[in-house]
Every structure is written in structure tokens, then in C-alpha cells.
Amino acid sequence: MLPNEIVKKIRHIEICTRRLLSGSLAGDSRSAVKGSGLEFDQIREYQQGDDIRFVDWNSSSRMNKLLVKQYIEERNRTIILAVDVSASGVYSSSHELRSDIMAQIAGVLALVAEYGKDAVGLLLFSDEIEAYMPPGKGKKHTRAVLEKAFTHISKRKQTNISVALEHLAQLRNNGGIVVLISDFIQVEDERYRKIVRQVAKKYDLIAVRCLDAHEQSLPSCGFVTIEDSETGALCTLDMRSQQGIKLREFLQQRLQDQAGIFKKCGADLLDISIGKPFVGDIIKFFRRRMTY
């Protein structure tokens, strides 16, 4: 049995997501041939051997020649949600932890994938692969993805995104979509840059960066003692001094460098701020991105 608190969180995400999906997507055109497994491509002249059922009699009458509708097989997309569950998720300056927000983001995307009848998988990582659910379809599978995302408790602290990307690179799911959900607070060495490029070539890579406002620009508030949640290291900083100015400049440069890495690889980057509504923004972004 799931704890009541988890049940309420999952139910809340389901209600919000389904409400926004049904409202914002009402009237959308989805497929030219419902339920056939085919998608309309073009009208062309009849060729010997064509299926007579695909003859477009109206167009043939207008053009005075036999025309057929050509179809292509629908692309059954595979979406893998790779979620950072390291110790840096246990942080927030608002009432919800980053880990909760990232689980909610994964839940929203799983429900969006279900709406689009796409297969969705879940990969949870820290500095190792902690859990992997292969892509699947249907409400039962989506529910299992949501429960895993909300209930998993990591025993590890460090972050190593390269480990997750290397695991994805070894999977056989070519041409799928990978949504990488993290704060991206780690050392971005050449190994990391290389594997980002590799995964971006194999998959359609989308990065969702989840940060608190204080991680983007620390306020000038005097002496502040900071603890690294992944290593336990403590550091006291004077945010009013040159030290504080350099730190704020470093944080801004880090954000720009991260964006540059993904841009060079042709991957999209979506920023989510802790403490601000995000469900609607995610649905709009992925509706445009995946043509739901």
C-alpha cells in the first residue's frame, strides 16, 4: 500500500495533467486514418499493384486520372524519462523539495506520453543506475511509472549524469526521445560532453533543468554557511564581498555553459523553477515538441 501522502500527490498530478490535456488539446487533429496504424502522406497516381481501397475517387474525378492516397506507418514513439535522484534533490527554498518537483515533472510527462499512446520508460540515477523500467504502454504501466518516481528513495548521494547517459547509449531504443531531468549540478568534464553528443545523435534529447532561484543568483545577505548536500562539505561565504560577486558570476556562467553544451548537440533545454507553477508550461512545450 502506498502512503496516503504519495497517493494524494499522484492523484493531484493526474487531475491537473488530464484537465490541461483535455482542455488545451480539444479539437486537435491527430491522425488522418484513425485506428489503422497508418498516417496519410500524399496523393499520387495509381500504379499497378496498388490497393484499390486507397483510390481517391473524388480527386480522380476532378483530375480525370486515377489517384490513390499514399500512407506511411505511424511512428510509435518511445520516451525514456531519466530522473536524477541524488542528494542534491533534497533541497528547496520553498515548501516543496526539488526531488518532489522532479518526480512531478516525470509524472506529467508519463501522462502526456500515455495520452499520445506512446511507450514510456523510467530511468532513475545518482552516480549509478538505481532503477530502470523498460518502455511500456497503457494506464497500468503509466501508474507503475508514477508510483516508482514518487516512492523511490536513493541510498546514494553523488551525481554522475554520464553514468545515466552511457546506460542510455547502450540500449537498443534507437530514434526514441530521452527526457533528462536534473539540476545538472556536477562537474562537466570531457567525458560528460562526449556522452551528451553521443546520446543526442542516437535519441531526440531534451534536458529539463530544475533549479531553485537561489541556485541561479544568491542574494547579497552577508555571511552565509553553505553545505554541499552530496559531500557534506561546509563553506562560509561573505555574499557582500568580492567573493560573493564572483560566486554570482560563476553561477550565471555555469547556466550559460550548460545551455551551450545542449545547443551544440542540437538538444532542447527547458528550465523549471522550484516554487513556480510548471505543469502548464511542460504540456505546452511537449505539445509543440511532439505534436500532440
Protein backbone atom coordinates (compact mmCIF):
# COMPACT_ATOMS: atom_id res chain seq x y z
CA MET A 1 0.00 0.00 0.00
CA LEU A 2 1.24 3.45 -0.88
CA PRO A 3 1.36 6.11 1.85
CA ASN A 4 -1.61 8.50 1.71
CA GLU A 5 0.70 11.43 1.07
CA ILE A 6 2.10 9.76 -2.07
CA VAL A 7 -1.39 8.78 -3.25
CA LYS A 8 -2.52 12.40 -2.92
CA LYS A 9 0.49 13.69 -4.87
CA ILE A 10 -0.06 11.22 -7.71
CA ARG A 11 -3.77 11.95 -7.80
CA HIS A 12 -3.13 15.70 -7.88
CA ILE A 13 -0.73 15.36 -10.82
CA GLU A 14 -3.17 13.12 -12.68
CA ILE A 15 -6.07 15.55 -12.23
CA CYS A 16 -4.05 18.65 -13.21
CA THR A 17 -2.42 16.99 -16.21
CA ARG A 18 -5.55 15.35 -17.61
CA ARG A 19 -7.55 18.56 -17.14
CA LEU A 20 -4.96 20.60 -19.05
CA LEU A 21 -4.61 17.94 -21.73
CA SER A 22 -8.34 17.71 -22.36
CA GLY A 23 -8.69 21.49 -22.38
CA SER A 24 -5.68 22.58 -24.41
CA LEU A 25 -5.80 19.74 -26.90
CA ALA A 26 -9.51 19.78 -27.67
CA GLY A 27 -10.10 19.74 -31.41
CA ASP A 28 -6.52 18.83 -32.35
CA SER A 29 -6.03 16.77 -35.46
CA ARG A 30 -4.12 13.65 -34.53
CA SER A 31 -4.08 11.11 -37.34
CA ALA A 32 -5.50 11.05 -40.84
CA VAL A 33 -6.55 7.41 -40.53
CA LYS A 34 -7.92 6.55 -37.11
CA GLY A 35 -7.10 3.12 -35.80
CA SER A 36 -5.48 1.83 -38.99
CA GLY A 37 -1.87 2.08 -37.88
CA LEU A 38 -1.28 4.32 -40.91
CA GLU A 39 -0.71 8.03 -41.36
CA PHE A 40 -1.62 10.00 -44.52
CA ASP A 41 1.38 11.04 -46.61
CA GLN A 42 0.31 12.23 -50.08
CA ILE A 43 -1.92 11.70 -53.15
CA ARG A 44 -0.22 10.23 -56.23
CA GLU A 45 -1.10 8.50 -59.49
CA TYR A 46 -2.25 4.90 -59.38
CA GLN A 47 0.42 2.28 -60.03
CA GLN A 48 -0.09 -1.37 -60.87
CA GLY A 49 -0.38 -3.37 -57.68
CA ASP A 50 -1.78 -0.51 -55.53
CA ASP A 51 -4.58 -1.44 -53.12
CA ILE A 52 -7.89 -0.43 -54.75
CA ARG A 53 -9.22 0.57 -51.29
CA PHE A 54 -6.90 3.58 -51.30
CA VAL A 55 -8.18 5.07 -54.54
CA ASP A 56 -9.31 8.68 -54.00
CA TRP A 57 -12.38 8.74 -56.24
CA ASN A 58 -13.16 12.44 -55.69
CA SER A 59 -9.66 13.58 -56.63
CA SER A 60 -9.57 11.10 -59.54
CA SER A 61 -12.80 12.57 -60.90
CA ARG A 62 -11.52 16.14 -60.69
CA MET A 63 -8.13 15.38 -62.29
CA ASN A 64 -9.52 12.90 -64.83
CA LYS A 65 -6.96 10.26 -63.87
CA LEU A 66 -6.79 7.51 -61.27
CA LEU A 67 -5.25 8.76 -58.00
CA VAL A 68 -4.56 6.94 -54.75
CA LYS A 69 -3.90 8.07 -51.19
CA GLN A 70 -0.45 7.05 -50.02
CA TYR A 71 0.06 6.28 -46.35
CA ILE A 72 3.05 5.67 -44.16
CA GLU A 73 3.18 3.63 -40.99
CA GLU A 74 2.56 5.62 -37.83
CA ARG A 75 5.67 6.16 -35.74
CA ASN A 76 5.21 4.59 -32.34
CA ARG A 77 7.45 6.79 -30.24
CA THR A 78 9.39 5.63 -27.24
CA ILE A 79 10.00 8.14 -24.45
CA ILE A 80 12.50 7.46 -21.66
CA LEU A 81 12.40 9.67 -18.57
CA ALA A 82 15.85 9.83 -16.94
CA VAL A 83 15.48 11.35 -13.46
CA ASP A 84 18.27 12.48 -11.13
CA VAL A 85 17.62 11.08 -7.61
CA SER A 86 20.90 12.18 -5.99
CA ALA A 87 21.11 14.02 -2.67
CA SER A 88 21.02 17.48 -4.27
CA GLY A 89 17.30 16.85 -4.81
CA VAL A 90 16.75 17.19 -1.06
CA TYR A 91 16.86 20.98 -1.26
CA SER A 92 14.45 23.86 -1.72
CA SER A 93 13.79 27.38 -0.53
CA SER A 94 10.05 26.81 -0.96
CA HIS A 95 7.62 24.30 0.55
CA GLU A 96 8.43 21.51 -1.95
CA LEU A 97 11.77 19.76 -2.35
CA ARG A 98 13.47 19.60 -5.72
CA SER A 99 13.11 15.80 -5.65
CA ASP A 100 9.31 16.21 -5.37
CA ILE A 101 9.25 18.63 -8.29
CA MET A 102 11.33 16.32 -10.50
CA ALA A 103 9.06 13.38 -9.65
CA GLN A 104 6.06 15.52 -10.59
CA ILE A 105 7.72 16.51 -13.88
CA ALA A 106 8.30 12.84 -14.68
CA GLY A 107 4.69 12.08 -13.75
CA VAL A 108 3.31 14.79 -16.02
CA LEU A 109 5.41 13.57 -18.95
CA ALA A 110 4.37 9.95 -18.37
CA LEU A 111 0.73 11.02 -18.54
CA VAL A 112 1.37 13.10 -21.68
CA ALA A 113 3.02 10.07 -23.28
CA GLU A 114 0.03 7.92 -22.33
CA TYR A 115 -2.28 10.47 -23.94
CA GLY A 116 -0.24 10.22 -27.15
CA LYS A 117 -0.29 6.40 -26.98
CA ASP A 118 3.50 6.40 -26.79
CA ALA A 119 5.63 3.93 -24.85
CA VAL A 120 7.27 5.44 -21.77
CA GLY A 121 10.15 4.14 -19.66
CA LEU A 122 11.78 5.37 -16.45
CA LEU A 123 15.46 5.55 -15.51
CA LEU A 124 16.45 6.69 -12.01
CA PHE A 125 20.11 7.56 -11.42
CA SER A 126 22.55 9.15 -8.98
CA ASP A 127 26.19 8.16 -9.50
CA GLU A 128 24.86 4.75 -10.55
CA ILE A 129 21.73 3.36 -12.18
CA GLU A 130 19.28 2.86 -9.32
CA ALA A 131 16.21 1.66 -11.22
CA TYR A 132 15.12 1.08 -14.79
CA MET A 133 11.62 0.38 -16.07
CA PRO A 134 11.60 -0.56 -19.77
CA PRO A 135 9.20 1.40 -22.00
CA GLY A 136 5.61 0.24 -21.99
CA LYS A 137 2.11 1.47 -22.76
CA GLY A 138 -1.26 1.69 -21.06
CA LYS A 139 -2.70 3.09 -17.85
CA LYS A 140 -1.38 0.27 -15.69
CA HIS A 141 2.19 0.83 -16.87
CA THR A 142 1.88 4.62 -16.53
CA ARG A 143 0.62 4.18 -12.98
CA ALA A 144 3.62 1.98 -12.18
CA VAL A 145 5.97 4.66 -13.57
CA LEU A 146 4.31 7.33 -11.40
CA GLU A 147 4.49 5.19 -8.28
CA LYS A 148 8.18 4.40 -8.85
CA ALA A 149 9.05 8.05 -9.49
CA PHE A 150 7.29 9.20 -6.31
CA THR A 151 8.31 6.40 -3.93
CA HIS A 152 11.93 5.69 -4.80
CA ILE A 153 14.37 6.56 -2.01
CA SER A 154 18.01 6.81 -3.04
CA LYS A 155 20.78 5.48 -0.82
CA ARG A 156 23.42 7.30 -2.84
CA LYS A 157 24.41 10.97 -2.65
CA GLN A 158 26.63 11.86 -5.59
CA THR A 159 25.52 12.89 -9.09
CA ASN A 160 27.04 11.44 -12.24
CA ILE A 161 24.90 12.19 -15.28
CA SER A 162 27.45 10.48 -17.54
CA VAL A 163 26.52 7.13 -15.95
CA ALA A 164 22.88 7.58 -16.95
CA LEU A 165 23.77 8.75 -20.46
CA GLU A 166 26.16 5.85 -21.00
CA HIS A 167 23.42 3.42 -19.95
CA LEU A 168 21.03 5.05 -22.43
CA ALA A 169 23.62 4.88 -25.19
CA GLN A 170 23.81 1.09 -24.73
CA LEU A 171 20.06 0.49 -25.01
CA ARG A 172 18.59 -0.68 -28.29
CA ASN A 173 15.93 2.05 -28.45
CA ASN A 174 17.17 3.96 -31.47
CA GLY A 175 15.28 7.07 -32.51
CA GLY A 176 13.34 7.45 -29.26
CA ILE A 177 13.04 10.52 -27.06
CA VAL A 178 15.09 10.91 -23.88
CA VAL A 179 13.99 13.49 -21.31
CA LEU A 180 16.84 14.13 -18.89
CA ILE A 181 15.52 15.67 -15.64
CA SER A 182 18.17 17.04 -13.27
CA ASP A 183 19.61 20.13 -11.61
CA PHE A 184 22.79 19.47 -13.64
CA ILE A 185 24.94 20.45 -10.66
CA GLN A 186 28.09 18.46 -11.36
CA VAL A 187 31.49 18.80 -13.00
CA GLU A 188 31.05 18.95 -16.77
CA ASP A 189 34.24 17.25 -17.98
CA GLU A 190 35.12 15.98 -21.44
CA ARG A 191 33.62 12.57 -20.66
CA TYR A 192 30.28 14.28 -19.96
CA ARG A 193 30.39 16.43 -23.11
CA LYS A 194 31.30 13.43 -25.26
CA ILE A 195 28.47 11.23 -23.99
CA VAL A 196 25.92 14.07 -24.31
CA ARG A 197 26.87 14.35 -28.01
CA GLN A 198 26.62 10.58 -28.43
CA VAL A 199 23.18 10.31 -26.83
CA ALA A 200 21.91 13.36 -28.75
CA LYS A 201 22.84 11.58 -32.00
CA LYS A 202 21.09 8.35 -31.02
CA TYR A 203 17.99 9.91 -29.42
CA ASP A 204 15.97 13.08 -29.55
CA LEU A 205 17.44 14.52 -26.34
CA ILE A 206 15.55 17.02 -24.17
CA ALA A 207 17.04 18.38 -20.94
CA VAL A 208 14.77 19.67 -18.17
CA ARG A 209 16.80 21.75 -15.71
CA CYS A 210 15.17 22.10 -12.29
CA LEU A 211 16.72 24.83 -10.15
CA ASP A 212 15.87 26.96 -7.15
CA ALA A 213 16.11 30.74 -7.59
CA HIS A 214 18.94 30.85 -5.01
CA GLU A 215 20.99 28.46 -7.15
CA GLN A 216 20.87 30.90 -10.03
CA SER A 217 21.69 34.11 -8.17
CA LEU A 218 22.49 34.18 -4.47
CA PRO A 219 21.32 37.33 -2.63
CA SER A 220 23.73 39.82 -1.07
CA CYS A 221 22.90 38.98 2.54
CA GLY A 222 26.18 38.91 4.48
CA PHE A 223 27.82 35.76 5.79
CA VAL A 224 26.22 32.50 4.64
CA THR A 225 27.23 28.96 5.61
CA ILE A 226 26.63 26.53 2.76
CA GLU A 227 26.62 22.74 2.93
CA ASP A 228 27.09 20.53 -0.11
CA SER A 229 24.26 18.01 0.23
CA GLU A 230 26.18 15.42 -1.77
CA THR A 231 29.57 15.59 0.00
CA GLY A 232 28.69 17.19 3.35
CA ALA A 233 31.40 19.84 2.88
CA LEU A 234 30.79 23.18 4.63
CA CYS A 235 31.81 26.61 3.41
CA THR A 236 31.18 30.09 4.84
CA LEU A 237 30.90 32.93 2.30
CA ASP A 238 30.57 36.70 2.61
CA MET A 239 27.97 37.46 -0.06
CA ARG A 240 28.58 41.22 0.24
CA SER A 241 32.27 40.95 -0.67
CA GLN A 242 34.11 40.32 -3.93
CA GLN A 243 33.81 36.63 -3.06
CA GLY A 244 30.03 36.85 -3.31
CA ILE A 245 30.18 38.78 -6.59
CA LYS A 246 32.46 36.14 -8.12
CA LEU A 247 30.16 33.36 -6.94
CA ARG A 248 27.12 35.00 -8.54
CA GLU A 249 29.09 35.45 -11.77
CA PHE A 250 30.15 31.80 -11.61
CA LEU A 251 26.54 30.62 -11.21
CA GLN A 252 25.40 32.63 -14.23
CA GLN A 253 28.32 31.40 -16.34
CA ARG A 254 27.57 27.81 -15.35
CA LEU A 255 24.00 28.16 -16.61
CA GLN A 256 25.21 29.60 -19.91
CA ASP A 257 27.82 26.87 -20.35
CA GLN A 258 25.24 24.14 -19.74
CA ALA A 259 22.88 25.69 -22.27
CA GLY A 260 25.78 25.90 -24.74
CA ILE A 261 26.56 22.18 -24.41
CA PHE A 262 23.00 21.17 -25.26
CA LYS A 263 22.68 23.73 -28.05
CA LYS A 264 25.84 22.46 -29.77
CA CYS A 265 24.41 18.93 -29.65
CA GLY A 266 21.04 20.01 -31.07
CA ALA A 267 19.23 19.17 -27.81
CA ASP A 268 16.48 21.29 -26.29
CA LEU A 269 16.74 22.75 -22.78
CA LEU A 270 13.67 23.59 -20.67
CA ASP A 271 14.12 25.44 -17.36
CA ILE A 272 11.75 24.76 -14.45
CA SER A 273 11.95 26.96 -11.33
CA ILE A 274 11.14 25.47 -7.92
CA GLY A 275 8.19 27.22 -6.29
CA LYS A 276 6.53 28.28 -9.56
CA PRO A 277 3.68 26.52 -11.43
CA PHE A 278 5.10 24.34 -14.18
CA VAL A 279 2.54 21.74 -15.36
CA GLY A 280 1.01 24.01 -17.99
CA ASP A 281 4.42 25.09 -19.31
CA ILE A 282 5.58 21.48 -19.65
CA ILE A 283 2.44 20.42 -21.51
CA LYS A 284 2.70 23.38 -23.90
CA PHE A 285 6.38 22.70 -24.52
CA PHE A 286 5.92 19.00 -25.23
CA ARG A 287 2.76 19.57 -27.22
CA ARG A 288 4.81 21.71 -29.63
CA ARG A 289 7.82 19.41 -29.40
CA MET A 290 5.99 16.13 -30.02
CA THR A 291 2.98 17.44 -32.00
CA TYR A 292 0.32 16.14 -29.60
